[in-house]
Amino acid sequence: MEKFCQSCAMPLMPKGQDFRGNNADASKSDTYCYLCYLNGQFTEPNITFEEMVAKGQKGIEASPGNAISKWLMKKSYPMILKKVSRWQS
């Protein structure tokens, strides 16, 4: 089963690529991607849920794919993001 970043919900290792962040000891994180987590710390520790939604939707828009798929992904992104551990409280 594919693992997803528990901050932004991006796949950690899609199609053999490695998007994992790194821990303070330089080991790879199995929890967070490199965009969210470097050297054992969040890259944006004070980002709000709403800001993360906007950032993620901007990334979806810039990614390859057809317009319908992107539209569906952007619409469902807030619901998906609520399920990752960083935003559950």
PDB file of N, CA and C in Angstrom:
ATOM      1  N   MET A   1       0.844  -1.186   0.000  1.00  0.00           N
ATOM      2  CA  MET A   1       0.000   0.000   0.000  1.00  0.00           C
ATOM      3  C   MET A   1       0.888   1.249   0.000  1.00  0.00           C
ATOM      4  N   GLU A   2       0.525   2.204  -0.822  1.00  0.00           N
ATOM      5  CA  GLU A   2       1.316   3.417  -0.953  1.00  0.00           C
ATOM      6  C   GLU A   2       1.192   4.285   0.293  1.00  0.00           C
ATOM      7  N   LYS A   3       2.328   4.823   0.746  1.00  0.00           N
ATOM      8  CA  LYS A   3       2.333   5.714   1.901  1.00  0.00           C
ATOM      9  C   LYS A   3       2.267   7.152   1.420  1.00  0.00           C
ATOM     10  N   PHE A   4       1.619   7.985   2.230  1.00  0.00           N
ATOM     11  CA  PHE A   4       1.453   9.393   1.903  1.00  0.00           C
ATOM     12  C   PHE A   4       2.016  10.263   3.013  1.00  0.00           C
ATOM     13  N   CYS A   5       2.498  11.434   2.645  1.00  0.00           N
ATOM     14  CA  CYS A   5       3.004  12.392   3.621  1.00  0.00           C
ATOM     15  C   CYS A   5       1.888  12.720   4.602  1.00  0.00           C
ATOM     16  N   GLN A   6       2.211  12.690   5.878  1.00  0.00           N
ATOM     17  CA  GLN A   6       1.214  12.951   6.909  1.00  0.00           C
ATOM     18  C   GLN A   6       1.104  14.439   7.232  1.00  0.00           C
ATOM     19  N   SER A   7       1.586  15.272   6.301  1.00  0.00           N
ATOM     20  CA  SER A   7       1.426  16.714   6.402  1.00  0.00           C
ATOM     21  C   SER A   7       0.681  17.261   5.186  1.00  0.00           C
ATOM     22  N   CYS A   8       1.097  16.837   3.969  1.00  0.00           N
ATOM     23  CA  CYS A   8       0.479  17.376   2.750  1.00  0.00           C
ATOM     24  C   CYS A   8      -0.262  16.332   1.921  1.00  0.00           C
ATOM     25  N   ALA A   9      -0.134  15.065   2.276  1.00  0.00           N
ATOM     26  CA  ALA A   9      -0.808  13.943   1.604  1.00  0.00           C
ATOM     27  C   ALA A   9      -0.201  13.564   0.252  1.00  0.00           C
ATOM     28  N   MET A  10       0.988  14.070  -0.060  1.00  0.00           N
ATOM     29  CA  MET A  10       1.667  13.685  -1.294  1.00  0.00           C
ATOM     30  C   MET A  10       2.214  12.260  -1.142  1.00  0.00           C
ATOM     31  N   PRO A  11       2.174  11.456  -2.197  1.00  0.00           N
ATOM     32  CA  PRO A  11       2.782  10.122  -2.117  1.00  0.00           C
ATOM     33  C   PRO A  11       4.271  10.239  -1.782  1.00  0.00           C
ATOM     34  N   LEU A  12       4.746   9.373  -0.892  1.00  0.00           N
ATOM     35  CA  LEU A  12       6.151   9.432  -0.484  1.00  0.00           C
ATOM     36  C   LEU A  12       7.094   8.778  -1.485  1.00  0.00           C
ATOM     37  N   MET A  13       6.628   7.738  -2.169  1.00  0.00           N
ATOM     38  CA  MET A  13       7.502   7.034  -3.111  1.00  0.00           C
ATOM     39  C   MET A  13       6.736   6.619  -4.369  1.00  0.00           C
ATOM     40  N   PRO A  14       6.245   7.591  -5.141  1.00  0.00           N
ATOM     41  CA  PRO A  14       5.489   7.238  -6.349  1.00  0.00           C
ATOM     42  C   PRO A  14       6.394   6.726  -7.463  1.00  0.00           C
ATOM     43  N   LYS A  15       6.006   5.636  -8.070  1.00  0.00           N
ATOM     44  CA  LYS A  15       6.701   5.082  -9.243  1.00  0.00           C
ATOM     45  C   LYS A  15       8.212   5.005  -9.047  1.00  0.00           C
ATOM     46  N   GLY A  16       8.637   4.540  -7.877  1.00  0.00           N
ATOM     47  CA  GLY A  16      10.055   4.343  -7.617  1.00  0.00           C
ATOM     48  C   GLY A  16      10.835   5.588  -7.236  1.00  0.00           C
ATOM     49  N   GLN A  17      10.198   6.746  -7.247  1.00  0.00           N
ATOM     50  CA  GLN A  17      10.872   7.974  -6.835  1.00  0.00           C
ATOM     51  C   GLN A  17      10.828   8.072  -5.312  1.00  0.00           C
ATOM     52  N   ASP A  18      11.757   8.798  -4.731  1.00  0.00           N
ATOM     53  CA  ASP A  18      11.819   8.934  -3.279  1.00  0.00           C
ATOM     54  C   ASP A  18      11.620  10.391  -2.887  1.00  0.00           C
ATOM     55  N   PHE A  19      10.435  10.708  -2.380  1.00  0.00           N
ATOM     56  CA  PHE A  19      10.107  12.070  -1.970  1.00  0.00           C
ATOM     57  C   PHE A  19      10.106  12.228  -0.454  1.00  0.00           C
ATOM     58  N   ARG A  20      10.690  11.254   0.262  1.00  0.00           N
ATOM     59  CA  ARG A  20      10.696  11.317   1.719  1.00  0.00           C
ATOM     60  C   ARG A  20      11.610  12.432   2.216  1.00  0.00           C
ATOM     61  N   GLY A  21      11.166  13.076   3.303  1.00  0.00           N
ATOM     62  CA  GLY A  21      12.009  14.053   3.977  1.00  0.00           C
ATOM     63  C   GLY A  21      13.055  13.329   4.801  1.00  0.00           C
ATOM     64  N   ASN A  22      13.832  14.103   5.571  1.00  0.00           N
ATOM     65  CA  ASN A  22      14.823  13.442   6.407  1.00  0.00           C
ATOM     66  C   ASN A  22      14.705  13.885   7.862  1.00  0.00           C
ATOM     67  N   ASN A  23      15.059  12.954   8.735  1.00  0.00           N
ATOM     68  CA  ASN A  23      15.021  13.191  10.173  1.00  0.00           C
ATOM     69  C   ASN A  23      16.281  13.935  10.609  1.00  0.00           C
ATOM     70  N   ALA A  24      16.329  14.333  11.880  1.00  0.00           N
ATOM     71  CA  ALA A  24      17.479  15.061  12.417  1.00  0.00           C
ATOM     72  C   ALA A  24      18.775  14.268  12.282  1.00  0.00           C
ATOM     73  N   ASP A  25      18.692  12.938  12.315  1.00  0.00           N
ATOM     74  CA  ASP A  25      19.890  12.093  12.186  1.00  0.00           C
ATOM     75  C   ASP A  25      20.230  11.770  10.727  1.00  0.00           C
ATOM     76  N   ALA A  26      19.587  12.441   9.793  1.00  0.00           N
ATOM     77  CA  ALA A  26      19.783  12.302   8.345  1.00  0.00           C
ATOM     78  C   ALA A  26      19.142  11.048   7.752  1.00  0.00           C
ATOM     79  N   SER A  27      18.494  10.223   8.565  1.00  0.00           N
ATOM     80  CA  SER A  27      17.770   9.069   8.024  1.00  0.00           C
ATOM     81  C   SER A  27      16.501   9.553   7.326  1.00  0.00           C
ATOM     82  N   LYS A  28      16.002   8.738   6.412  1.00  0.00           N
ATOM     83  CA  LYS A  28      14.786   9.098   5.686  1.00  0.00           C
ATOM     84  C   LYS A  28      13.556   8.970   6.584  1.00  0.00           C
ATOM     85  N   SER A  29      12.638   9.905   6.437  1.00  0.00           N
ATOM     86  CA  SER A  29      11.383   9.866   7.183  1.00  0.00           C
ATOM     87  C   SER A  29      10.382   8.992   6.437  1.00  0.00           C
ATOM     88  N   ASP A  30       9.734   8.100   7.137  1.00  0.00           N
ATOM     89  CA  ASP A  30       8.667   7.300   6.538  1.00  0.00           C
ATOM     90  C   ASP A  30       7.309   7.947   6.768  1.00  0.00           C
ATOM     91  N   THR A  31       7.327   9.177   7.282  1.00  0.00           N
ATOM     92  CA  THR A  31       6.092   9.867   7.637  1.00  0.00           C
ATOM     93  C   THR A  31       5.845  11.119   6.805  1.00  0.00           C
ATOM     94  N   TYR A  32       6.908  11.860   6.487  1.00  0.00           N
ATOM     95  CA  TYR A  32       6.752  13.157   5.824  1.00  0.00           C
ATOM     96  C   TYR A  32       7.604  13.264   4.559  1.00  0.00           C
ATOM     97  N   CYS A  33       7.152  14.069   3.607  1.00  0.00           N
ATOM     98  CA  CYS A  33       7.889  14.310   2.361  1.00  0.00           C
ATOM     99  C   CYS A  33       8.947  15.403   2.568  1.00  0.00           C
ATOM    100  N   TYR A  34       9.824  15.533   1.564  1.00  0.00           N
ATOM    101  CA  TYR A  34      10.905  16.515   1.642  1.00  0.00           C
ATOM    102  C   TYR A  34      10.400  17.953   1.554  1.00  0.00           C
ATOM    103  N   LEU A  35       9.218  18.165   1.010  1.00  0.00           N
ATOM    104  CA  LEU A  35       8.673  19.520   0.939  1.00  0.00           C
ATOM    105  C   LEU A  35       8.179  19.999   2.300  1.00  0.00           C
ATOM    106  N   CYS A  36       7.807  19.058   3.152  1.00  0.00           N
ATOM    107  CA  CYS A  36       7.239  19.392   4.460  1.00  0.00           C
ATOM    108  C   CYS A  36       8.211  19.215   5.619  1.00  0.00           C
ATOM    109  N   TYR A  37       9.233  18.375   5.442  1.00  0.00           N
ATOM    110  CA  TYR A  37      10.047  17.968   6.587  1.00  0.00           C
ATOM    111  C   TYR A  37      11.508  17.789   6.199  1.00  0.00           C
ATOM    112  N   LEU A  38      12.394  18.602   6.776  1.00  0.00           N
ATOM    113  CA  LEU A  38      13.832  18.496   6.530  1.00  0.00           C
ATOM    114  C   LEU A  38      14.592  18.624   7.841  1.00  0.00           C
ATOM    115  N   ASN A  39      15.611  17.810   7.991  1.00  0.00           N
ATOM    116  CA  ASN A  39      16.466  17.840   9.182  1.00  0.00           C
ATOM    117  C   ASN A  39      15.677  17.705  10.479  1.00  0.00           C
ATOM    118  N   GLY A  40      14.609  16.912  10.430  1.00  0.00           N
ATOM    119  CA  GLY A  40      13.828  16.636  11.628  1.00  0.00           C
ATOM    120  C   GLY A  40      12.859  17.726  12.029  1.00  0.00           C
ATOM    121  N   GLN A  41      12.611  18.686  11.127  1.00  0.00           N
ATOM    122  CA  GLN A  41      11.700  19.787  11.445  1.00  0.00           C
ATOM    123  C   GLN A  41      10.784  20.073  10.257  1.00  0.00           C
ATOM    124  N   PHE A  42       9.587  20.558  10.573  1.00  0.00           N
ATOM    125  CA  PHE A  42       8.693  20.985   9.503  1.00  0.00           C
ATOM    126  C   PHE A  42       9.303  22.191   8.800  1.00  0.00           C
ATOM    127  N   THR A  43       9.203  22.230   7.490  1.00  0.00           N
ATOM    128  CA  THR A  43       9.723  23.363   6.726  1.00  0.00           C
ATOM    129  C   THR A  43       8.863  24.603   6.932  1.00  0.00           C
ATOM    130  N   GLU A  44       7.589  24.402   7.223  1.00  0.00           N
ATOM    131  CA  GLU A  44       6.673  25.505   7.521  1.00  0.00           C
ATOM    132  C   GLU A  44       5.900  25.144   8.790  1.00  0.00           C
ATOM    133  N   PRO A  45       6.530  25.316   9.954  1.00  0.00           N
ATOM    134  CA  PRO A  45       5.892  24.865  11.196  1.00  0.00           C
ATOM    135  C   PRO A  45       4.603  25.603  11.548  1.00  0.00           C
ATOM    136  N   ASN A  46       4.429  26.802  11.034  1.00  0.00           N
ATOM    137  CA  ASN A  46       3.254  27.599  11.394  1.00  0.00           C
ATOM    138  C   ASN A  46       2.189  27.657  10.305  1.00  0.00           C
ATOM    139  N   ILE A  47       2.337  26.851   9.260  1.00  0.00           N
ATOM    140  CA  ILE A  47       1.347  26.868   8.181  1.00  0.00           C
ATOM    141  C   ILE A  47      -0.010  26.407   8.720  1.00  0.00           C
ATOM    142  N   THR A  48      -1.057  27.065   8.280  1.00  0.00           N
ATOM    143  CA  THR A  48      -2.403  26.680   8.706  1.00  0.00           C
ATOM    144  C   THR A  48      -2.973  25.640   7.748  1.00  0.00           C
ATOM    145  N   PHE A  49      -4.041  25.012   8.168  1.00  0.00           N
ATOM    146  CA  PHE A  49      -4.720  24.039   7.313  1.00  0.00           C
ATOM    147  C   PHE A  49      -5.145  24.701   6.002  1.00  0.00           C
ATOM    148  N   GLU A  50      -5.720  25.879   6.092  1.00  0.00           N
ATOM    149  CA  GLU A  50      -6.199  26.582   4.898  1.00  0.00           C
ATOM    150  C   GLU A  50      -5.047  26.918   3.950  1.00  0.00           C
ATOM    151  N   GLU A  51      -3.906  27.318   4.513  1.00  0.00           N
ATOM    152  CA  GLU A  51      -2.741  27.612   3.685  1.00  0.00           C
ATOM    153  C   GLU A  51      -2.215  26.347   3.011  1.00  0.00           C
ATOM    154  N   MET A  52      -2.244  25.235   3.737  1.00  0.00           N
ATOM    155  CA  MET A  52      -1.792  23.962   3.159  1.00  0.00           C
ATOM    156  C   MET A  52      -2.729  23.529   2.032  1.00  0.00           C
ATOM    157  N   VAL A  53      -4.025  23.730   2.207  1.00  0.00           N
ATOM    158  CA  VAL A  53      -4.983  23.406   1.142  1.00  0.00           C
ATOM    159  C   VAL A  53      -4.653  24.221  -0.109  1.00  0.00           C
ATOM    160  N   ALA A  54      -4.455  25.529   0.054  1.00  0.00           N
ATOM    161  CA  ALA A  54      -4.150  26.391  -1.091  1.00  0.00           C
ATOM    162  C   ALA A  54      -2.842  25.973  -1.763  1.00  0.00           C
ATOM    163  N   LYS A  55      -1.837  25.658  -0.969  1.00  0.00           N
ATOM    164  CA  LYS A  55      -0.540  25.231  -1.505  1.00  0.00           C
ATOM    165  C   LYS A  55      -0.674  23.913  -2.268  1.00  0.00           C
ATOM    166  N   GLY A  56      -1.403  22.965  -1.702  1.00  0.00           N
ATOM    167  CA  GLY A  56      -1.606  21.677  -2.354  1.00  0.00           C
ATOM    168  C   GLY A  56      -2.387  21.802  -3.651  1.00  0.00           C
ATOM    169  N   GLN A  57      -3.421  22.628  -3.643  1.00  0.00           N
ATOM    170  CA  GLN A  57      -4.216  22.815  -4.854  1.00  0.00           C
ATOM    171  C   GLN A  57      -3.399  23.489  -5.953  1.00  0.00           C
ATOM    172  N   LYS A  58      -2.509  24.390  -5.562  1.00  0.00           N
ATOM    173  CA  LYS A  58      -1.622  25.023  -6.543  1.00  0.00           C
ATOM    174  C   LYS A  58      -0.682  23.979  -7.150  1.00  0.00           C
ATOM    175  N   GLY A  59      -0.178  23.071  -6.320  1.00  0.00           N
ATOM    176  CA  GLY A  59       0.681  21.993  -6.806  1.00  0.00           C
ATOM    177  C   GLY A  59      -0.052  21.051  -7.740  1.00  0.00           C
ATOM    178  N   ILE A  60      -1.297  20.744  -7.412  1.00  0.00           N
ATOM    179  CA  ILE A  60      -2.116  19.885  -8.276  1.00  0.00           C
ATOM    180  C   ILE A  60      -2.307  20.549  -9.632  1.00  0.00           C
ATOM    181  N   GLU A  61      -2.589  21.839  -9.634  1.00  0.00           N
ATOM    182  CA  GLU A  61      -2.806  22.567 -10.881  1.00  0.00           C
ATOM    183  C   GLU A  61      -1.549  22.548 -11.752  1.00  0.00           C
ATOM    184  N   ALA A  62      -0.377  22.616 -11.130  1.00  0.00           N
ATOM    185  CA  ALA A  62       0.886  22.641 -11.876  1.00  0.00           C
ATOM    186  C   ALA A  62       1.337  21.253 -12.336  1.00  0.00           C
ATOM    187  N   SER A  63       0.733  20.211 -11.806  1.00  0.00           N
ATOM    188  CA  SER A  63       1.152  18.849 -12.142  1.00  0.00           C
ATOM    189  C   SER A  63       0.604  18.420 -13.502  1.00  0.00           C
ATOM    190  N   PRO A  64       1.241  17.401 -14.109  1.00  0.00           N
ATOM    191  CA  PRO A  64       0.716  16.912 -15.388  1.00  0.00           C
ATOM    192  C   PRO A  64      -0.616  16.194 -15.185  1.00  0.00           C
ATOM    193  N   GLY A  65      -1.417  16.196 -16.190  1.00  0.00           N
ATOM    194  CA  GLY A  65      -2.711  15.515 -16.116  1.00  0.00           C
ATOM    195  C   GLY A  65      -3.770  16.312 -16.844  1.00  0.00           C
ATOM    196  N   ASN A  66      -4.907  15.668 -17.036  1.00  0.00           N
ATOM    197  CA  ASN A  66      -5.969  16.364 -17.757  1.00  0.00           C
ATOM    198  C   ASN A  66      -6.782  17.245 -16.813  1.00  0.00           C
ATOM    199  N   ALA A  67      -7.497  18.178 -17.371  1.00  0.00           N
ATOM    200  CA  ALA A  67      -8.222  19.184 -16.595  1.00  0.00           C
ATOM    201  C   ALA A  67      -9.275  18.569 -15.679  1.00  0.00           C
ATOM    202  N   ILE A  68      -9.962  17.534 -16.115  1.00  0.00           N
ATOM    203  CA  ILE A  68     -11.009  16.916 -15.295  1.00  0.00           C
ATOM    204  C   ILE A  68     -10.396  16.235 -14.073  1.00  0.00           C
ATOM    205  N   SER A  69      -9.313  15.501 -14.277  1.00  0.00           N
ATOM    206  CA  SER A  69      -8.636  14.836 -13.153  1.00  0.00           C
ATOM    207  C   SER A  69      -8.135  15.857 -12.144  1.00  0.00           C
ATOM    208  N   LYS A  70      -7.534  16.928 -12.635  1.00  0.00           N
ATOM    209  CA  LYS A  70      -7.032  17.970 -11.737  1.00  0.00           C
ATOM    210  C   LYS A  70      -8.174  18.627 -10.971  1.00  0.00           C
ATOM    211  N   TRP A  71      -9.268  18.885 -11.646  1.00  0.00           N
ATOM    212  CA  TRP A  71     -10.417  19.506 -10.991  1.00  0.00           C
ATOM    213  C   TRP A  71     -10.921  18.614  -9.856  1.00  0.00           C
ATOM    214  N   LEU A  72     -11.051  17.319 -10.126  1.00  0.00           N
ATOM    215  CA  LEU A  72     -11.505  16.381  -9.092  1.00  0.00           C
ATOM    216  C   LEU A  72     -10.524  16.311  -7.929  1.00  0.00           C
ATOM    217  N   MET A  73      -9.234  16.285  -8.236  1.00  0.00           N
ATOM    218  CA  MET A  73      -8.225  16.226  -7.177  1.00  0.00           C
ATOM    219  C   MET A  73      -8.262  17.487  -6.318  1.00  0.00           C
ATOM    220  N   LYS A  74      -8.395  18.640  -6.948  1.00  0.00           N
ATOM    221  CA  LYS A  74      -8.442  19.890  -6.177  1.00  0.00           C
ATOM    222  C   LYS A  74      -9.685  19.953  -5.297  1.00  0.00           C
ATOM    223  N   LYS A  75     -10.814  19.466  -5.805  1.00  0.00           N
ATOM    224  CA  LYS A  75     -12.056  19.474  -5.020  1.00  0.00           C
ATOM    225  C   LYS A  75     -11.984  18.518  -3.836  1.00  0.00           C
ATOM    226  N   SER A  76     -11.338  17.373  -4.012  1.00  0.00           N
ATOM    227  CA  SER A  76     -11.276  16.372  -2.942  1.00  0.00           C
ATOM    228  C   SER A  76     -10.103  16.587  -1.988  1.00  0.00           C
ATOM    229  N   TYR A  77      -9.150  17.430  -2.352  1.00  0.00           N
ATOM    230  CA  TYR A  77      -7.942  17.611  -1.548  1.00  0.00           C
ATOM    231  C   TYR A  77      -8.214  18.007  -0.093  1.00  0.00           C
ATOM    232  N   PRO A  78      -9.095  18.962   0.200  1.00  0.00           N
ATOM    233  CA  PRO A  78      -9.340  19.290   1.616  1.00  0.00           C
ATOM    234  C   PRO A  78      -9.826  18.093   2.433  1.00  0.00           C
ATOM    235  N   MET A  79     -10.664  17.250   1.868  1.00  0.00           N
ATOM    236  CA  MET A  79     -11.158  16.068   2.587  1.00  0.00           C
ATOM    237  C   MET A  79     -10.036  15.060   2.818  1.00  0.00           C
ATOM    238  N   ILE A  80      -9.168  14.904   1.837  1.00  0.00           N
ATOM    239  CA  ILE A  80      -8.027  13.994   1.972  1.00  0.00           C
ATOM    240  C   ILE A  80      -7.059  14.523   3.021  1.00  0.00           C
ATOM    241  N   LEU A  81      -6.783  15.822   2.972  1.00  0.00           N
ATOM    242  CA  LEU A  81      -5.834  16.435   3.894  1.00  0.00           C
ATOM    243  C   LEU A  81      -6.281  16.294   5.349  1.00  0.00           C
ATOM    244  N   LYS A  82      -7.574  16.353   5.593  1.00  0.00           N
ATOM    245  CA  LYS A  82      -8.095  16.207   6.961  1.00  0.00           C
ATOM    246  C   LYS A  82      -7.781  14.840   7.559  1.00  0.00           C
ATOM    247  N   LYS A  83      -7.464  13.858   6.720  1.00  0.00           N
ATOM    248  CA  LYS A  83      -7.218  12.494   7.196  1.00  0.00           C
ATOM    249  C   LYS A  83      -5.765  12.240   7.592  1.00  0.00           C
ATOM    250  N   VAL A  84      -4.840  13.113   7.221  1.00  0.00           N
ATOM    251  CA  VAL A  84      -3.439  12.890   7.584  1.00  0.00           C
ATOM    252  C   VAL A  84      -3.186  13.384   9.005  1.00  0.00           C
ATOM    253  N   SER A  85      -2.196  12.806   9.658  1.00  0.00           N
ATOM    254  CA  SER A  85      -2.018  13.013  11.101  1.00  0.00           C
ATOM    255  C   SER A  85      -1.756  14.458  11.509  1.00  0.00           C
ATOM    256  N   ARG A  86      -1.077  15.243  10.695  1.00  0.00           N
ATOM    257  CA  ARG A  86      -0.768  16.624  11.095  1.00  0.00           C
ATOM    258  C   ARG A  86      -2.025  17.451  11.317  1.00  0.00           C
ATOM    259  N   TRP A  87      -3.090  17.153  10.605  1.00  0.00           N
ATOM    260  CA  TRP A  87      -4.287  17.992  10.662  1.00  0.00           C
ATOM    261  C   TRP A  87      -5.418  17.375  11.464  1.00  0.00           C
ATOM    262  N   GLN A  88      -5.163  16.291  12.138  1.00  0.00           N
ATOM    263  CA  GLN A  88      -6.185  15.690  13.001  1.00  0.00           C
ATOM    264  C   GLN A  88      -5.985  16.219  14.413  1.00  0.00           C
ATOM    265  N   SER A  89      -7.022  16.828  14.957  1.00  0.00           N
ATOM    266  CA  SER A  89      -6.917  17.306  16.340  1.00  0.00           C
ATOM    267  C   SER A  89      -8.262  17.369  16.999  1.00  0.00           C
TER     268      SER A  89
END
